[in-house]
Amino acid sequence: MNWPDRHPRLIVLKGNHEVMMLAACLGQAKHQWWMQNGGAQTLASYGLDPANPADLRRLPTAHLQFIAQLPRIHVDQQRIFVHAGVDPDQPLEAQSERTLLWKRYQPQFEQGHGQRHVVHGHDANPSGPLLTAGRTNLDCMAWKTGRLAIGIFDDARPGGPREILEIETSR
């Protein structure tokens, strides 16, 4: 939220867990649904009680507003960055929120979107990251494996990452 201007530009995308959080906090979804999908850990990180639905009202309003305004997709000349995926048969402006936040690709699917490479997560794979001709899935189940994959992309070069950095914690 307070990324300094002197650092490189940071684009934060909205994912399905942010949508679950907002829905629970706004009373549009059951508290327990979010708690079972990372909400308990999130509330605990704020020093709040995951078992107490009333604690949702204690989350900072500025944090909820920040999450609410996050974009679901970022497109540059070479790539599409998205939480979950895109439908290659639909124009980008016609992509549904469900696709952008919840899509899971078929295991052998390698296509991007037109000439652009798709960079995503959400489709967790402990042996990832998974790189194909048309897409890169960076989700290595970090919450479970302790492995976080970071793609380094060259704006002048189309396609997948020029390098993958992996950070591993002891679990």
C-alpha atoms as a PDB file:
ATOM      1  CA  MET A   1       0.000   0.000   0.000  1.00  0.00           C
ATOM      2  CA  ASN A   2       2.853   2.367   0.752  1.00  0.00           C
ATOM      3  CA  TRP A   3       5.293   1.290  -1.953  1.00  0.00           C
ATOM      4  CA  PRO A   4       7.840   4.113  -2.256  1.00  0.00           C
ATOM      5  CA  ASP A   5       7.924   6.039  -5.537  1.00  0.00           C
ATOM      6  CA  ARG A   6      11.717   5.671  -5.682  1.00  0.00           C
ATOM      7  CA  HIS A   7      11.352   1.891  -6.179  1.00  0.00           C
ATOM      8  CA  PRO A   8      10.443   0.285  -9.507  1.00  0.00           C
ATOM      9  CA  ARG A   9       6.770   0.408 -10.398  1.00  0.00           C
ATOM     10  CA  LEU A  10       4.708  -2.192  -8.551  1.00  0.00           C
ATOM     11  CA  ILE A  11       1.441  -3.574  -9.913  1.00  0.00           C
ATOM     12  CA  VAL A  12      -0.598  -5.505  -7.376  1.00  0.00           C
ATOM     13  CA  LEU A  13      -3.339  -7.711  -8.817  1.00  0.00           C
ATOM     14  CA  LYS A  14      -6.524  -8.871  -7.158  1.00  0.00           C
ATOM     15  CA  GLY A  15      -6.915 -12.610  -6.704  1.00  0.00           C
ATOM     16  CA  ASN A  16      -9.653 -14.922  -5.525  1.00  0.00           C
ATOM     17  CA  HIS A  17      -8.545 -14.742  -1.878  1.00  0.00           C
ATOM     18  CA  GLU A  18      -8.903 -10.955  -1.888  1.00  0.00           C
ATOM     19  CA  VAL A  19     -12.399 -11.366  -3.335  1.00  0.00           C
ATOM     20  CA  MET A  20     -13.241 -13.893  -0.601  1.00  0.00           C
ATOM     21  CA  MET A  21     -11.937 -11.486   2.040  1.00  0.00           C
ATOM     22  CA  LEU A  22     -13.984  -8.569   0.754  1.00  0.00           C
ATOM     23  CA  ALA A  23     -17.122 -10.690   0.426  1.00  0.00           C
ATOM     24  CA  ALA A  24     -16.777 -11.940   4.012  1.00  0.00           C
ATOM     25  CA  CYS A  25     -16.058  -8.453   5.364  1.00  0.00           C
ATOM     26  CA  LEU A  26     -19.018  -6.951   3.506  1.00  0.00           C
ATOM     27  CA  GLY A  27     -21.399  -9.687   4.670  1.00  0.00           C
ATOM     28  CA  GLN A  28     -21.786 -11.048   1.128  1.00  0.00           C
ATOM     29  CA  ALA A  29     -20.287 -14.456   1.977  1.00  0.00           C
ATOM     30  CA  LYS A  30     -20.122 -16.672   5.027  1.00  0.00           C
ATOM     31  CA  HIS A  31     -17.317 -15.925   7.464  1.00  0.00           C
ATOM     32  CA  GLN A  32     -16.348 -19.616   7.587  1.00  0.00           C
ATOM     33  CA  TRP A  33     -15.794 -19.803   3.797  1.00  0.00           C
ATOM     34  CA  TRP A  34     -13.010 -17.251   4.000  1.00  0.00           C
ATOM     35  CA  MET A  35     -11.644 -18.731   7.250  1.00  0.00           C
ATOM     36  CA  GLN A  36     -11.179 -22.106   5.512  1.00  0.00           C
ATOM     37  CA  ASN A  37      -9.380 -20.439   2.596  1.00  0.00           C
ATOM     38  CA  GLY A  38      -6.667 -18.388   4.274  1.00  0.00           C
ATOM     39  CA  GLY A  39      -8.840 -15.992   6.215  1.00  0.00           C
ATOM     40  CA  ALA A  40      -7.919 -17.443   9.601  1.00  0.00           C
ATOM     41  CA  GLN A  41      -4.232 -16.833   8.936  1.00  0.00           C
ATOM     42  CA  THR A  42      -4.962 -13.342   7.601  1.00  0.00           C
ATOM     43  CA  LEU A  43      -6.986 -12.336  10.656  1.00  0.00           C
ATOM     44  CA  ALA A  44      -4.319 -13.769  12.947  1.00  0.00           C
ATOM     45  CA  SER A  45      -1.707 -11.647  11.137  1.00  0.00           C
ATOM     46  CA  TYR A  46      -3.737  -8.585  12.193  1.00  0.00           C
ATOM     47  CA  GLY A  47      -3.826  -9.854  15.782  1.00  0.00           C
ATOM     48  CA  LEU A  48      -7.539 -10.645  15.472  1.00  0.00           C
ATOM     49  CA  ASP A  49      -9.496 -13.747  16.464  1.00  0.00           C
ATOM     50  CA  PRO A  50     -10.401 -15.943  13.456  1.00  0.00           C
ATOM     51  CA  ALA A  51     -13.182 -17.593  15.487  1.00  0.00           C
ATOM     52  CA  ASN A  52     -14.934 -14.258  16.063  1.00  0.00           C
ATOM     53  CA  PRO A  53     -16.869 -13.032  12.995  1.00  0.00           C
ATOM     54  CA  ALA A  54     -17.209  -9.624  14.661  1.00  0.00           C
ATOM     55  CA  ASP A  55     -13.444  -9.137  14.281  1.00  0.00           C
ATOM     56  CA  LEU A  56     -13.956  -8.674  10.530  1.00  0.00           C
ATOM     57  CA  ARG A  57     -15.193  -5.169  11.382  1.00  0.00           C
ATOM     58  CA  ARG A  58     -11.851  -4.432  13.032  1.00  0.00           C
ATOM     59  CA  LEU A  59      -9.847  -4.778   9.803  1.00  0.00           C
ATOM     60  CA  PRO A  60      -8.504  -1.386   8.690  1.00  0.00           C
ATOM     61  CA  THR A  61     -10.879   0.303   6.255  1.00  0.00           C
ATOM     62  CA  ALA A  62      -7.907   1.588   4.249  1.00  0.00           C
ATOM     63  CA  HIS A  63      -6.741  -2.007   3.675  1.00  0.00           C
ATOM     64  CA  LEU A  64     -10.173  -3.101   2.456  1.00  0.00           C
ATOM     65  CA  GLN A  65     -10.404  -0.067   0.156  1.00  0.00           C
ATOM     66  CA  PHE A  66      -6.943  -0.835  -1.237  1.00  0.00           C
ATOM     67  CA  ILE A  67      -7.961  -4.430  -1.983  1.00  0.00           C
ATOM     68  CA  ALA A  68     -11.276  -3.369  -3.511  1.00  0.00           C
ATOM     69  CA  GLN A  69      -9.583  -1.107  -6.072  1.00  0.00           C
ATOM     70  CA  LEU A  70      -6.960  -3.623  -7.231  1.00  0.00           C
ATOM     71  CA  PRO A  71      -7.034  -4.472 -10.935  1.00  0.00           C
ATOM     72  CA  ARG A  72      -7.753  -8.073 -11.973  1.00  0.00           C
ATOM     73  CA  ILE A  73      -5.466  -8.014 -15.011  1.00  0.00           C
ATOM     74  CA  HIS A  74      -2.383  -6.205 -16.295  1.00  0.00           C
ATOM     75  CA  VAL A  75      -1.491  -6.241 -19.974  1.00  0.00           C
ATOM     76  CA  ASP A  76       1.749  -5.051 -21.510  1.00  0.00           C
ATOM     77  CA  GLN A  77       3.130  -5.380 -25.016  1.00  0.00           C
ATOM     78  CA  GLN A  78       4.379  -8.948 -24.541  1.00  0.00           C
ATOM     79  CA  ARG A  79       2.343 -10.479 -21.733  1.00  0.00           C
ATOM     80  CA  ILE A  80      -0.858 -10.712 -19.752  1.00  0.00           C
ATOM     81  CA  PHE A  81      -0.489 -10.911 -15.977  1.00  0.00           C
ATOM     82  CA  VAL A  82      -3.478 -12.300 -14.122  1.00  0.00           C
ATOM     83  CA  HIS A  83      -4.192 -14.217 -10.945  1.00  0.00           C
ATOM     84  CA  ALA A  84      -5.756 -17.331 -12.476  1.00  0.00           C
ATOM     85  CA  GLY A  85      -6.045 -17.210 -16.258  1.00  0.00           C
ATOM     86  CA  VAL A  86      -7.718 -15.925 -19.376  1.00  0.00           C
ATOM     87  CA  ASP A  87     -10.019 -17.433 -21.974  1.00  0.00           C
ATOM     88  CA  PRO A  88      -7.967 -17.485 -25.200  1.00  0.00           C
ATOM     89  CA  ASP A  89     -11.157 -17.322 -27.279  1.00  0.00           C
ATOM     90  CA  GLN A  90     -12.454 -14.087 -25.716  1.00  0.00           C
ATOM     91  CA  PRO A  91     -11.097 -10.567 -26.228  1.00  0.00           C
ATOM     92  CA  LEU A  92      -9.367  -9.244 -23.116  1.00  0.00           C
ATOM     93  CA  GLU A  93     -12.081  -6.667 -22.478  1.00  0.00           C
ATOM     94  CA  ALA A  94     -14.690  -9.477 -22.442  1.00  0.00           C
ATOM     95  CA  GLN A  95     -12.932 -11.670 -19.853  1.00  0.00           C
ATOM     96  CA  SER A  96     -15.182 -12.537 -16.933  1.00  0.00           C
ATOM     97  CA  GLU A  97     -14.152 -11.977 -13.338  1.00  0.00           C
ATOM     98  CA  ARG A  98     -14.705 -15.698 -12.762  1.00  0.00           C
ATOM     99  CA  THR A  99     -12.136 -16.583 -15.443  1.00  0.00           C
ATOM    100  CA  LEU A 100      -9.562 -14.016 -14.279  1.00  0.00           C
ATOM    101  CA  LEU A 101      -9.804 -15.065 -10.618  1.00  0.00           C
ATOM    102  CA  TRP A 102     -10.785 -18.750 -10.608  1.00  0.00           C
ATOM    103  CA  LYS A 103      -9.763 -20.412 -13.900  1.00  0.00           C
ATOM    104  CA  ARG A 104      -7.803 -23.651 -13.878  1.00  0.00           C
ATOM    105  CA  TYR A 105      -6.115 -24.718 -17.098  1.00  0.00           C
ATOM    106  CA  GLN A 106      -6.271 -28.247 -18.435  1.00  0.00           C
ATOM    107  CA  PRO A 107      -2.936 -30.029 -17.696  1.00  0.00           C
ATOM    108  CA  GLN A 108      -1.678 -30.105 -21.298  1.00  0.00           C
ATOM    109  CA  PHE A 109      -2.931 -26.634 -22.280  1.00  0.00           C
ATOM    110  CA  GLU A 110      -0.032 -24.503 -23.561  1.00  0.00           C
ATOM    111  CA  GLN A 111      -1.733 -21.628 -25.369  1.00  0.00           C
ATOM    112  CA  GLY A 112      -1.377 -17.981 -24.419  1.00  0.00           C
ATOM    113  CA  HIS A 113      -3.730 -15.238 -25.582  1.00  0.00           C
ATOM    114  CA  GLY A 114      -3.061 -14.275 -29.184  1.00  0.00           C
ATOM    115  CA  GLN A 115       0.586 -13.243 -29.406  1.00  0.00           C
ATOM    116  CA  ARG A 116       0.843 -12.562 -25.680  1.00  0.00           C
ATOM    117  CA  HIS A 117       2.259 -14.903 -23.065  1.00  0.00           C
ATOM    118  CA  VAL A 118       0.003 -15.405 -20.006  1.00  0.00           C
ATOM    119  CA  VAL A 119       1.609 -15.236 -16.559  1.00  0.00           C
ATOM    120  CA  HIS A 120      -0.530 -16.554 -13.727  1.00  0.00           C
ATOM    121  CA  GLY A 121      -0.742 -18.459 -10.497  1.00  0.00           C
ATOM    122  CA  HIS A 122      -3.785 -19.938  -8.752  1.00  0.00           C
ATOM    123  CA  ASP A 123      -3.437 -23.342 -10.443  1.00  0.00           C
ATOM    124  CA  ALA A 124      -1.215 -24.660  -7.659  1.00  0.00           C
ATOM    125  CA  ASN A 125       1.391 -27.286  -8.491  1.00  0.00           C
ATOM    126  CA  PRO A 126       4.020 -28.315  -5.924  1.00  0.00           C
ATOM    127  CA  SER A 127       6.445 -29.279  -8.705  1.00  0.00           C
ATOM    128  CA  GLY A 128       6.075 -25.888 -10.436  1.00  0.00           C
ATOM    129  CA  PRO A 129       6.719 -23.424 -11.778  1.00  0.00           C
ATOM    130  CA  LEU A 130       5.234 -24.687 -15.030  1.00  0.00           C
ATOM    131  CA  LEU A 131       6.446 -23.070 -18.238  1.00  0.00           C
ATOM    132  CA  THR A 132       4.916 -23.668 -21.666  1.00  0.00           C
ATOM    133  CA  ALA A 133       5.149 -21.854 -24.982  1.00  0.00           C
ATOM    134  CA  GLY A 134       2.120 -19.694 -24.197  1.00  0.00           C
ATOM    135  CA  ARG A 135       1.937 -19.416 -20.450  1.00  0.00           C
ATOM    136  CA  THR A 136       3.838 -19.477 -17.162  1.00  0.00           C
ATOM    137  CA  ASN A 137       2.246 -20.732 -13.950  1.00  0.00           C
ATOM    138  CA  LEU A 138       4.268 -19.484 -10.982  1.00  0.00           C
ATOM    139  CA  ASP A 139       2.128 -21.089  -8.238  1.00  0.00           C
ATOM    140  CA  CYS A 140       4.294 -23.640  -6.404  1.00  0.00           C
ATOM    141  CA  MET A 141       1.959 -23.910  -3.391  1.00  0.00           C
ATOM    142  CA  ALA A 142       4.246 -21.684  -1.311  1.00  0.00           C
ATOM    143  CA  TRP A 143       1.867 -21.900   1.645  1.00  0.00           C
ATOM    144  CA  LYS A 144       2.495 -25.656   1.763  1.00  0.00           C
ATOM    145  CA  THR A 145       5.880 -26.257   0.108  1.00  0.00           C
ATOM    146  CA  GLY A 146       7.735 -23.182   1.374  1.00  0.00           C
ATOM    147  CA  ARG A 147       8.802 -22.501  -2.251  1.00  0.00           C
ATOM    148  CA  LEU A 148       7.996 -19.148  -3.824  1.00  0.00           C
ATOM    149  CA  ALA A 149       8.710 -18.736  -7.549  1.00  0.00           C
ATOM    150  CA  ILE A 150       9.343 -15.288  -9.014  1.00  0.00           C
ATOM    151  CA  GLY A 151       9.430 -14.780 -12.774  1.00  0.00           C
ATOM    152  CA  ILE A 152      11.846 -12.212 -14.198  1.00  0.00           C
ATOM    153  CA  PHE A 153      10.649 -10.970 -17.579  1.00  0.00           C
ATOM    154  CA  ASP A 154      12.380  -8.892 -20.244  1.00  0.00           C
ATOM    155  CA  ASP A 155      10.043  -6.235 -21.623  1.00  0.00           C
ATOM    156  CA  ALA A 156      11.869  -6.345 -24.971  1.00  0.00           C
ATOM    157  CA  ARG A 157      11.590 -10.135 -25.345  1.00  0.00           C
ATOM    158  CA  PRO A 158       8.276 -11.941 -25.901  1.00  0.00           C
ATOM    159  CA  GLY A 159       7.340 -15.140 -24.122  1.00  0.00           C
ATOM    160  CA  GLY A 160       8.165 -16.599 -20.777  1.00  0.00           C
ATOM    161  CA  PRO A 161      10.573 -15.500 -18.087  1.00  0.00           C
ATOM    162  CA  ARG A 162      14.261 -15.022 -18.776  1.00  0.00           C
ATOM    163  CA  GLU A 163      14.892 -16.279 -15.262  1.00  0.00           C
ATOM    164  CA  ILE A 164      13.016 -17.832 -12.355  1.00  0.00           C
ATOM    165  CA  LEU A 165      14.077 -16.989  -8.823  1.00  0.00           C
ATOM    166  CA  GLU A 166      13.048 -19.429  -6.142  1.00  0.00           C
ATOM    167  CA  ILE A 167      12.919 -18.605  -2.489  1.00  0.00           C
ATOM    168  CA  GLU A 168      12.622 -21.531  -0.133  1.00  0.00           C
ATOM    169  CA  THR A 169      11.898 -21.455   3.564  1.00  0.00           C
ATOM    170  CA  SER A 170      12.263 -24.286   5.995  1.00  0.00           C
ATOM    171  CA  ARG A 171       8.846 -25.627   6.860  1.00  0.00           C
END
